[in-house]
Amino acid sequence: INFMFYFFKKIPRLNYQLIIFLSKIIPPDFLEKISRWRAVLIVRLAMKKVPAYKKFLAEQKVAPKKIKSFSEFLKLPPTDKKNYFLKYNVGETLLNKSVNDSYAREQSGNYNFESGSVFWPRFSEEVENCSLNLKFLLKYFFNCHKRKTLIVIAFEL
């Protein structure tokens, strides 16, 4: 099990050809099981290591030890701007990171006078992973490497 967790945790950094190959030979239902298993592992990690999430779940009377299956995962209370991101200090919402380690601070686009904006740190590995995923998407789904392509990226201001 530890090997599988390590292997599937590292897939985004593997060669794209290998990802394509694996997606063709591994049955979709097995990939779905792995995705559900990873969701449970990630939330359990957050329950142990993210101070704000620990507090949030304690306030919601959720016992972290009970979350052992995907069906229990689905029963977790959702976090949102009001009940989580504006309630806790941004430093308390991070997993093994410090706000000081970030290279940028970003702001949510949904400002309103009642709640204000949410600010969060941006880390270099997030940008790297986003770039790799975008490259994968453009190359293998849109074949942008085989023809001239205009890409327009628009963000709401």
N, C-alpha and C. Protein backbone atom coordinates (compact mmCIF):
# COMPACT_ATOMS: atom_id res chain seq x y z
N ILE A 1 0.83 -1.20 0.00
CA ILE A 1 0.00 0.00 0.00
C ILE A 1 0.87 1.25 0.00
N ASN A 2 1.94 1.29 0.78
CA ASN A 2 2.80 2.46 0.79
C ASN A 2 3.41 2.72 -0.59
N PHE A 3 3.78 1.64 -1.29
CA PHE A 3 4.33 1.81 -2.63
C PHE A 3 3.29 2.44 -3.55
N MET A 4 2.06 1.93 -3.50
CA MET A 4 1.01 2.47 -4.36
C MET A 4 0.76 3.94 -4.07
N PHE A 5 0.72 4.31 -2.79
CA PHE A 5 0.50 5.70 -2.44
C PHE A 5 1.63 6.56 -3.01
N TYR A 6 2.87 6.11 -2.84
CA TYR A 6 4.02 6.86 -3.35
C TYR A 6 3.95 6.98 -4.86
N PHE A 7 3.65 5.86 -5.53
CA PHE A 7 3.61 5.85 -6.98
C PHE A 7 2.56 6.81 -7.53
N PHE A 8 1.34 6.72 -7.02
CA PHE A 8 0.27 7.55 -7.55
C PHE A 8 0.37 9.00 -7.08
N LYS A 9 1.07 9.22 -6.00
CA LYS A 9 1.32 10.60 -5.56
C LYS A 9 2.28 11.29 -6.52
N LYS A 10 3.19 10.53 -7.10
CA LYS A 10 4.22 11.10 -7.97
C LYS A 10 3.83 11.14 -9.45
N ILE A 11 2.67 10.64 -9.82
CA ILE A 11 2.31 10.59 -11.24
C ILE A 11 2.42 11.93 -11.96
N PRO A 12 1.99 13.07 -11.39
CA PRO A 12 2.09 14.31 -12.15
C PRO A 12 3.52 14.64 -12.59
N ARG A 13 4.50 14.14 -11.88
CA ARG A 13 5.88 14.43 -12.24
C ARG A 13 6.48 13.39 -13.20
N LEU A 14 5.73 12.35 -13.49
CA LEU A 14 6.22 11.32 -14.40
C LEU A 14 6.09 11.79 -15.85
N ASN A 15 6.69 11.05 -16.72
CA ASN A 15 6.63 11.29 -18.15
C ASN A 15 5.19 11.22 -18.63
N TYR A 16 4.80 12.15 -19.49
CA TYR A 16 3.43 12.18 -19.99
C TYR A 16 3.08 10.91 -20.77
N GLN A 17 4.04 10.38 -21.51
CA GLN A 17 3.78 9.17 -22.27
C GLN A 17 3.40 8.02 -21.34
N LEU A 18 4.05 7.95 -20.20
CA LEU A 18 3.74 6.90 -19.24
C LEU A 18 2.32 7.08 -18.70
N ILE A 19 1.92 8.32 -18.45
CA ILE A 19 0.56 8.58 -17.97
C ILE A 19 -0.46 8.13 -19.01
N ILE A 20 -0.22 8.47 -20.27
CA ILE A 20 -1.12 8.05 -21.34
C ILE A 20 -1.17 6.52 -21.41
N PHE A 21 -0.02 5.90 -21.37
CA PHE A 21 0.05 4.44 -21.42
C PHE A 21 -0.74 3.81 -20.27
N LEU A 22 -0.51 4.29 -19.05
CA LEU A 22 -1.20 3.74 -17.89
C LEU A 22 -2.71 3.95 -17.99
N SER A 23 -3.12 5.10 -18.51
CA SER A 23 -4.56 5.36 -18.62
C SER A 23 -5.24 4.42 -19.61
N LYS A 24 -4.46 3.86 -20.53
CA LYS A 24 -5.03 2.92 -21.50
C LYS A 24 -5.09 1.48 -20.98
N ILE A 25 -4.19 1.14 -20.05
CA ILE A 25 -4.16 -0.26 -19.61
C ILE A 25 -4.82 -0.49 -18.25
N ILE A 26 -4.93 0.56 -17.44
CA ILE A 26 -5.54 0.40 -16.12
C ILE A 26 -7.05 0.63 -16.25
N PRO A 27 -7.85 -0.30 -15.78
CA PRO A 27 -9.30 -0.15 -15.89
C PRO A 27 -9.80 1.10 -15.15
N PRO A 28 -10.75 1.82 -15.74
CA PRO A 28 -11.28 3.04 -15.12
C PRO A 28 -11.81 2.83 -13.70
N ASP A 29 -12.43 1.69 -13.43
CA ASP A 29 -12.97 1.47 -12.09
C ASP A 29 -11.84 1.36 -11.05
N PHE A 30 -10.69 0.83 -11.48
CA PHE A 30 -9.53 0.77 -10.58
C PHE A 30 -8.99 2.18 -10.31
N LEU A 31 -8.92 3.01 -11.35
CA LEU A 31 -8.48 4.40 -11.18
C LEU A 31 -9.44 5.17 -10.27
N GLU A 32 -10.73 4.87 -10.39
CA GLU A 32 -11.73 5.51 -9.52
C GLU A 32 -11.50 5.10 -8.07
N LYS A 33 -11.21 3.84 -7.84
CA LYS A 33 -10.92 3.37 -6.47
C LYS A 33 -9.69 4.05 -5.90
N ILE A 34 -8.68 4.19 -6.72
CA ILE A 34 -7.46 4.88 -6.27
C ILE A 34 -7.75 6.34 -5.94
N SER A 35 -8.54 7.00 -6.79
CA SER A 35 -8.90 8.40 -6.54
C SER A 35 -9.66 8.56 -5.23
N ARG A 36 -10.58 7.67 -4.98
CA ARG A 36 -11.36 7.73 -3.73
C ARG A 36 -10.47 7.45 -2.53
N TRP A 37 -9.59 6.49 -2.67
CA TRP A 37 -8.65 6.15 -1.60
C TRP A 37 -7.74 7.33 -1.30
N ARG A 38 -7.25 7.98 -2.35
CA ARG A 38 -6.39 9.16 -2.16
C ARG A 38 -7.15 10.31 -1.49
N ALA A 39 -8.41 10.49 -1.85
CA ALA A 39 -9.21 11.55 -1.22
C ALA A 39 -9.28 11.33 0.29
N VAL A 40 -9.52 10.09 0.70
CA VAL A 40 -9.59 9.77 2.13
C VAL A 40 -8.23 10.01 2.79
N LEU A 41 -7.15 9.56 2.14
CA LEU A 41 -5.81 9.78 2.71
C LEU A 41 -5.48 11.25 2.86
N ILE A 42 -5.82 12.03 1.85
CA ILE A 42 -5.51 13.46 1.89
C ILE A 42 -6.30 14.17 2.99
N VAL A 43 -7.57 13.84 3.12
CA VAL A 43 -8.36 14.49 4.17
C VAL A 43 -7.89 14.07 5.55
N ARG A 44 -7.47 12.83 5.69
CA ARG A 44 -6.95 12.38 6.99
C ARG A 44 -5.63 13.08 7.31
N LEU A 45 -4.82 13.32 6.30
CA LEU A 45 -3.58 14.08 6.49
C LEU A 45 -3.91 15.50 6.93
N ALA A 46 -4.87 16.11 6.27
CA ALA A 46 -5.28 17.47 6.64
C ALA A 46 -5.83 17.52 8.06
N MET A 47 -6.56 16.49 8.45
CA MET A 47 -7.10 16.44 9.81
C MET A 47 -5.99 16.42 10.86
N LYS A 48 -4.87 15.80 10.52
CA LYS A 48 -3.75 15.71 11.46
C LYS A 48 -2.84 16.92 11.42
N LYS A 49 -2.62 17.50 10.23
CA LYS A 49 -1.54 18.47 10.05
C LYS A 49 -1.97 19.91 9.79
N VAL A 50 -3.26 20.16 9.53
CA VAL A 50 -3.71 21.52 9.23
C VAL A 50 -4.50 22.04 10.43
N PRO A 51 -3.91 22.98 11.19
CA PRO A 51 -4.55 23.44 12.42
C PRO A 51 -5.99 23.95 12.23
N ALA A 52 -6.23 24.74 11.21
CA ALA A 52 -7.58 25.29 11.00
C ALA A 52 -8.58 24.18 10.71
N TYR A 53 -8.17 23.18 9.94
CA TYR A 53 -9.09 22.09 9.61
C TYR A 53 -9.41 21.25 10.84
N LYS A 54 -8.42 21.06 11.70
CA LYS A 54 -8.68 20.36 12.97
C LYS A 54 -9.74 21.10 13.77
N LYS A 55 -9.57 22.41 13.90
CA LYS A 55 -10.53 23.23 14.66
C LYS A 55 -11.91 23.20 14.01
N PHE A 56 -11.92 23.34 12.69
CA PHE A 56 -13.18 23.35 11.94
C PHE A 56 -13.97 22.06 12.20
N LEU A 57 -13.28 20.92 12.09
CA LEU A 57 -13.96 19.64 12.31
C LEU A 57 -14.40 19.47 13.76
N ALA A 58 -13.58 19.95 14.69
CA ALA A 58 -13.97 19.86 16.11
C ALA A 58 -15.25 20.67 16.35
N GLU A 59 -15.33 21.86 15.75
CA GLU A 59 -16.54 22.69 15.89
C GLU A 59 -17.76 22.02 15.26
N GLN A 60 -17.52 21.26 14.20
CA GLN A 60 -18.61 20.56 13.52
C GLN A 60 -18.90 19.20 14.15
N LYS A 61 -18.14 18.88 15.22
CA LYS A 61 -18.28 17.62 15.95
C LYS A 61 -18.03 16.39 15.05
N VAL A 62 -16.98 16.50 14.24
CA VAL A 62 -16.57 15.39 13.38
C VAL A 62 -15.33 14.77 14.00
N ALA A 63 -15.39 13.46 14.24
CA ALA A 63 -14.25 12.74 14.81
C ALA A 63 -13.35 12.26 13.66
N PRO A 64 -12.13 12.77 13.59
CA PRO A 64 -11.23 12.38 12.50
C PRO A 64 -11.02 10.88 12.36
N LYS A 65 -11.04 10.15 13.45
CA LYS A 65 -10.80 8.71 13.40
C LYS A 65 -11.92 7.97 12.67
N LYS A 66 -13.07 8.60 12.51
CA LYS A 66 -14.20 7.94 11.85
C LYS A 66 -14.08 7.96 10.33
N ILE A 67 -13.25 8.83 9.79
CA ILE A 67 -13.15 8.97 8.33
C ILE A 67 -12.17 7.92 7.81
N LYS A 68 -12.72 6.76 7.45
CA LYS A 68 -11.89 5.66 6.96
C LYS A 68 -12.32 5.17 5.58
N SER A 69 -13.45 5.66 5.10
CA SER A 69 -13.94 5.21 3.81
C SER A 69 -14.41 6.42 3.00
N PHE A 70 -14.61 6.19 1.71
CA PHE A 70 -15.05 7.27 0.85
C PHE A 70 -16.48 7.71 1.20
N SER A 71 -17.31 6.78 1.62
CA SER A 71 -18.68 7.17 1.99
C SER A 71 -18.67 8.08 3.22
N GLU A 72 -17.73 7.83 4.15
CA GLU A 72 -17.59 8.73 5.31
C GLU A 72 -16.99 10.07 4.87
N PHE A 73 -16.08 10.05 3.92
CA PHE A 73 -15.50 11.27 3.35
C PHE A 73 -16.60 12.18 2.78
N LEU A 74 -17.55 11.57 2.08
CA LEU A 74 -18.63 12.35 1.46
C LEU A 74 -19.53 13.04 2.48
N LYS A 75 -19.51 12.57 3.72
CA LYS A 75 -20.35 13.17 4.77
C LYS A 75 -19.67 14.35 5.46
N LEU A 76 -18.41 14.63 5.13
CA LEU A 76 -17.70 15.75 5.76
C LEU A 76 -18.39 17.07 5.44
N PRO A 77 -18.42 17.99 6.39
CA PRO A 77 -19.02 19.29 6.11
C PRO A 77 -18.15 20.08 5.13
N PRO A 78 -18.76 20.74 4.18
CA PRO A 78 -17.97 21.52 3.23
C PRO A 78 -17.41 22.80 3.87
N THR A 79 -16.25 23.20 3.40
CA THR A 79 -15.69 24.48 3.83
C THR A 79 -16.06 25.51 2.78
N ASP A 80 -16.21 26.74 3.22
CA ASP A 80 -16.45 27.82 2.27
C ASP A 80 -15.79 29.09 2.79
N LYS A 81 -16.00 30.16 2.08
CA LYS A 81 -15.37 31.43 2.41
C LYS A 81 -15.74 31.88 3.83
N LYS A 82 -17.01 31.77 4.14
CA LYS A 82 -17.50 32.30 5.42
C LYS A 82 -17.13 31.41 6.61
N ASN A 83 -17.33 30.09 6.47
CA ASN A 83 -17.14 29.22 7.64
C ASN A 83 -15.70 28.73 7.82
N TYR A 84 -14.82 29.03 6.85
CA TYR A 84 -13.45 28.53 6.97
C TYR A 84 -12.41 29.60 6.62
N PHE A 85 -12.43 30.09 5.40
CA PHE A 85 -11.35 30.95 4.94
C PHE A 85 -11.32 32.32 5.60
N LEU A 86 -12.47 32.86 5.97
CA LEU A 86 -12.49 34.14 6.68
C LEU A 86 -12.42 33.95 8.20
N LYS A 87 -12.68 32.76 8.65
CA LYS A 87 -12.72 32.48 10.08
C LYS A 87 -11.33 32.22 10.67
N TYR A 88 -10.45 31.59 9.88
CA TYR A 88 -9.14 31.19 10.39
C TYR A 88 -8.02 32.00 9.73
N ASN A 89 -6.95 32.15 10.46
CA ASN A 89 -5.76 32.80 9.94
C ASN A 89 -5.22 31.97 8.79
N VAL A 90 -4.77 32.62 7.73
CA VAL A 90 -4.30 31.90 6.55
C VAL A 90 -3.17 30.94 6.89
N GLY A 91 -2.32 31.28 7.81
CA GLY A 91 -1.22 30.40 8.21
C GLY A 91 -1.70 29.10 8.81
N GLU A 92 -2.89 29.12 9.43
CA GLU A 92 -3.46 27.91 10.04
C GLU A 92 -4.07 26.97 9.01
N THR A 93 -4.27 27.45 7.79
CA THR A 93 -4.92 26.64 6.76
C THR A 93 -3.93 25.90 5.86
N LEU A 94 -2.65 26.06 6.14
CA LEU A 94 -1.62 25.48 5.28
C LEU A 94 -1.11 24.15 5.82
N LEU A 95 -0.75 23.26 4.91
CA LEU A 95 -0.18 21.96 5.24
C LEU A 95 1.33 22.04 5.08
N ASN A 96 2.04 21.95 6.20
CA ASN A 96 3.51 21.93 6.20
C ASN A 96 4.14 23.11 5.47
N LYS A 97 3.50 24.25 5.52
CA LYS A 97 4.04 25.45 4.86
C LYS A 97 3.88 26.64 5.78
N SER A 98 4.65 27.65 5.48
CA SER A 98 4.52 28.93 6.15
C SER A 98 4.17 29.97 5.09
N VAL A 99 3.36 30.94 5.47
CA VAL A 99 3.03 32.01 4.54
C VAL A 99 4.31 32.68 4.05
N ASN A 100 5.32 32.73 4.90
CA ASN A 100 6.59 33.36 4.53
C ASN A 100 7.33 32.62 3.43
N ASP A 101 7.00 31.33 3.22
CA ASP A 101 7.65 30.54 2.17
C ASP A 101 7.06 30.83 0.78
N SER A 102 5.96 31.52 0.72
CA SER A 102 5.30 31.76 -0.56
C SER A 102 5.99 32.88 -1.32
N TYR A 103 5.82 32.89 -2.62
CA TYR A 103 6.43 33.95 -3.41
C TYR A 103 5.40 35.00 -3.83
N ALA A 104 4.13 34.74 -3.59
CA ALA A 104 3.09 35.71 -3.94
C ALA A 104 1.90 35.52 -3.02
N ARG A 105 1.12 36.57 -2.90
CA ARG A 105 -0.15 36.49 -2.19
C ARG A 105 -1.24 36.81 -3.22
N GLU A 106 -2.26 36.02 -3.23
CA GLU A 106 -3.34 36.23 -4.19
C GLU A 106 -4.63 36.54 -3.45
N GLN A 107 -5.55 37.15 -4.17
CA GLN A 107 -6.80 37.60 -3.58
C GLN A 107 -7.96 37.03 -4.37
N SER A 108 -9.01 36.62 -3.65
CA SER A 108 -10.20 36.11 -4.34
C SER A 108 -10.86 37.26 -5.09
N GLY A 109 -11.53 36.89 -6.17
CA GLY A 109 -12.19 37.90 -6.98
C GLY A 109 -13.57 38.27 -6.49
N ASN A 110 -14.11 37.51 -5.56
CA ASN A 110 -15.47 37.76 -5.08
C ASN A 110 -15.45 38.61 -3.83
N TYR A 111 -15.32 39.90 -4.00
CA TYR A 111 -15.33 40.80 -2.86
C TYR A 111 -16.75 41.26 -2.61
N ASN A 112 -17.14 41.25 -1.34
CA ASN A 112 -18.38 41.91 -0.98
C ASN A 112 -18.18 42.59 0.37
N PHE A 113 -19.01 43.56 0.67
CA PHE A 113 -18.81 44.37 1.87
C PHE A 113 -19.04 43.60 3.16
N GLU A 114 -19.83 42.53 3.11
CA GLU A 114 -20.07 41.75 4.32
C GLU A 114 -18.86 40.93 4.72
N SER A 115 -18.28 40.24 3.75
CA SER A 115 -17.21 39.31 4.11
C SER A 115 -15.82 39.72 3.64
N GLY A 116 -15.73 40.60 2.68
CA GLY A 116 -14.42 41.00 2.19
C GLY A 116 -13.84 39.97 1.24
N SER A 117 -12.53 40.03 1.06
CA SER A 117 -11.82 39.12 0.16
C SER A 117 -11.03 38.10 0.95
N VAL A 118 -10.72 37.02 0.31
CA VAL A 118 -9.85 36.01 0.89
C VAL A 118 -8.49 36.14 0.24
N PHE A 119 -7.45 36.12 1.05
CA PHE A 119 -6.08 36.15 0.54
C PHE A 119 -5.45 34.80 0.84
N TRP A 120 -4.61 34.33 -0.07
CA TRP A 120 -3.90 33.08 0.16
C TRP A 120 -2.52 33.15 -0.48
N PRO A 121 -1.60 32.38 0.06
CA PRO A 121 -0.25 32.37 -0.50
C PRO A 121 -0.17 31.48 -1.73
N ARG A 122 0.72 31.81 -2.63
CA ARG A 122 0.98 30.99 -3.82
C ARG A 122 2.41 30.49 -3.71
N PHE A 123 2.58 29.18 -3.85
CA PHE A 123 3.90 28.56 -3.73
C PHE A 123 4.41 28.13 -5.10
N SER A 124 5.73 28.11 -5.25
CA SER A 124 6.33 27.83 -6.55
C SER A 124 5.94 26.46 -7.10
N GLU A 125 5.82 25.44 -6.23
CA GLU A 125 5.46 24.11 -6.74
C GLU A 125 4.05 24.06 -7.29
N GLU A 126 3.16 24.93 -6.80
CA GLU A 126 1.80 24.99 -7.35
C GLU A 126 1.85 25.48 -8.79
N VAL A 127 2.65 26.50 -9.03
CA VAL A 127 2.77 27.04 -10.37
C VAL A 127 3.40 26.01 -11.29
N GLU A 128 4.41 25.31 -10.79
CA GLU A 128 5.08 24.27 -11.58
C GLU A 128 4.09 23.17 -11.94
N ASN A 129 3.32 22.68 -10.97
CA ASN A 129 2.34 21.63 -11.24
C ASN A 129 1.25 22.10 -12.20
N CYS A 130 0.81 23.33 -12.03
CA CYS A 130 -0.21 23.89 -12.91
C CYS A 130 0.33 23.96 -14.34
N SER A 131 1.57 24.39 -14.49
CA SER A 131 2.18 24.48 -15.82
C SER A 131 2.30 23.10 -16.46
N LEU A 132 2.72 22.11 -15.68
CA LEU A 132 2.84 20.75 -16.21
C LEU A 132 1.48 20.20 -16.63
N ASN A 133 0.46 20.44 -15.81
CA ASN A 133 -0.88 19.94 -16.13
C ASN A 133 -1.45 20.64 -17.36
N LEU A 134 -1.22 21.93 -17.48
CA LEU A 134 -1.69 22.67 -18.65
C LEU A 134 -0.98 22.19 -19.91
N LYS A 135 0.32 21.98 -19.81
CA LYS A 135 1.09 21.47 -20.95
C LYS A 135 0.54 20.11 -21.39
N PHE A 136 0.28 19.24 -20.42
CA PHE A 136 -0.28 17.92 -20.71
C PHE A 136 -1.63 18.05 -21.42
N LEU A 137 -2.50 18.88 -20.87
CA LEU A 137 -3.83 19.08 -21.44
C LEU A 137 -3.74 19.60 -22.87
N LEU A 138 -2.94 20.62 -23.10
CA LEU A 138 -2.84 21.22 -24.43
C LEU A 138 -2.22 20.26 -25.44
N LYS A 139 -1.23 19.51 -24.99
CA LYS A 139 -0.55 18.59 -25.91
C LYS A 139 -1.39 17.37 -26.25
N TYR A 140 -1.91 16.70 -25.22
CA TYR A 140 -2.55 15.41 -25.45
C TYR A 140 -4.06 15.47 -25.71
N PHE A 141 -4.69 16.58 -25.39
CA PHE A 141 -6.12 16.68 -25.67
C PHE A 141 -6.41 17.59 -26.86
N PHE A 142 -5.54 18.58 -27.08
CA PHE A 142 -5.79 19.54 -28.16
C PHE A 142 -4.73 19.51 -29.25
N ASN A 143 -3.69 18.67 -29.09
CA ASN A 143 -2.63 18.53 -30.10
C ASN A 143 -2.01 19.86 -30.50
N CYS A 144 -1.82 20.75 -29.54
CA CYS A 144 -1.27 22.07 -29.83
C CYS A 144 0.17 22.01 -30.33
N HIS A 145 0.86 20.94 -30.06
CA HIS A 145 2.24 20.79 -30.52
C HIS A 145 2.31 20.41 -32.00
N LYS A 146 1.18 20.07 -32.61
CA LYS A 146 1.16 19.65 -34.02
C LYS A 146 0.62 20.72 -34.97
N ARG A 147 0.06 21.78 -34.41
CA ARG A 147 -0.50 22.83 -35.27
C ARG A 147 -0.44 24.17 -34.55
N LYS A 148 -0.49 25.23 -35.32
CA LYS A 148 -0.50 26.57 -34.73
C LYS A 148 -1.79 26.74 -33.96
N THR A 149 -1.67 27.28 -32.76
CA THR A 149 -2.81 27.38 -31.86
C THR A 149 -2.79 28.72 -31.15
N LEU A 150 -3.94 29.35 -31.09
CA LEU A 150 -4.10 30.57 -30.30
C LEU A 150 -4.84 30.18 -29.03
N ILE A 151 -4.25 30.50 -27.89
CA ILE A 151 -4.87 30.21 -26.62
C ILE A 151 -5.17 31.54 -25.93
N VAL A 152 -6.41 31.73 -25.54
CA VAL A 152 -6.80 32.94 -24.82
C VAL A 152 -7.18 32.51 -23.41
N ILE A 153 -6.45 33.05 -22.44
CA ILE A 153 -6.74 32.76 -21.04
C ILE A 153 -7.31 34.04 -20.45
N ALA A 154 -8.53 33.97 -19.97
CA ALA A 154 -9.19 35.15 -19.44
C ALA A 154 -9.62 34.89 -18.00
N PHE A 155 -9.30 35.83 -17.15
CA PHE A 155 -9.70 35.75 -15.76
C PHE A 155 -10.67 36.89 -15.47
N GLU A 156 -11.68 36.60 -14.71
CA GLU A 156 -12.64 37.62 -14.33
C GLU A 156 -11.96 38.62 -13.42
N LEU A 157 -12.18 39.88 -13.68
CA LEU A 157 -11.58 40.92 -12.84
C LEU A 157 -12.62 41.55 -11.94
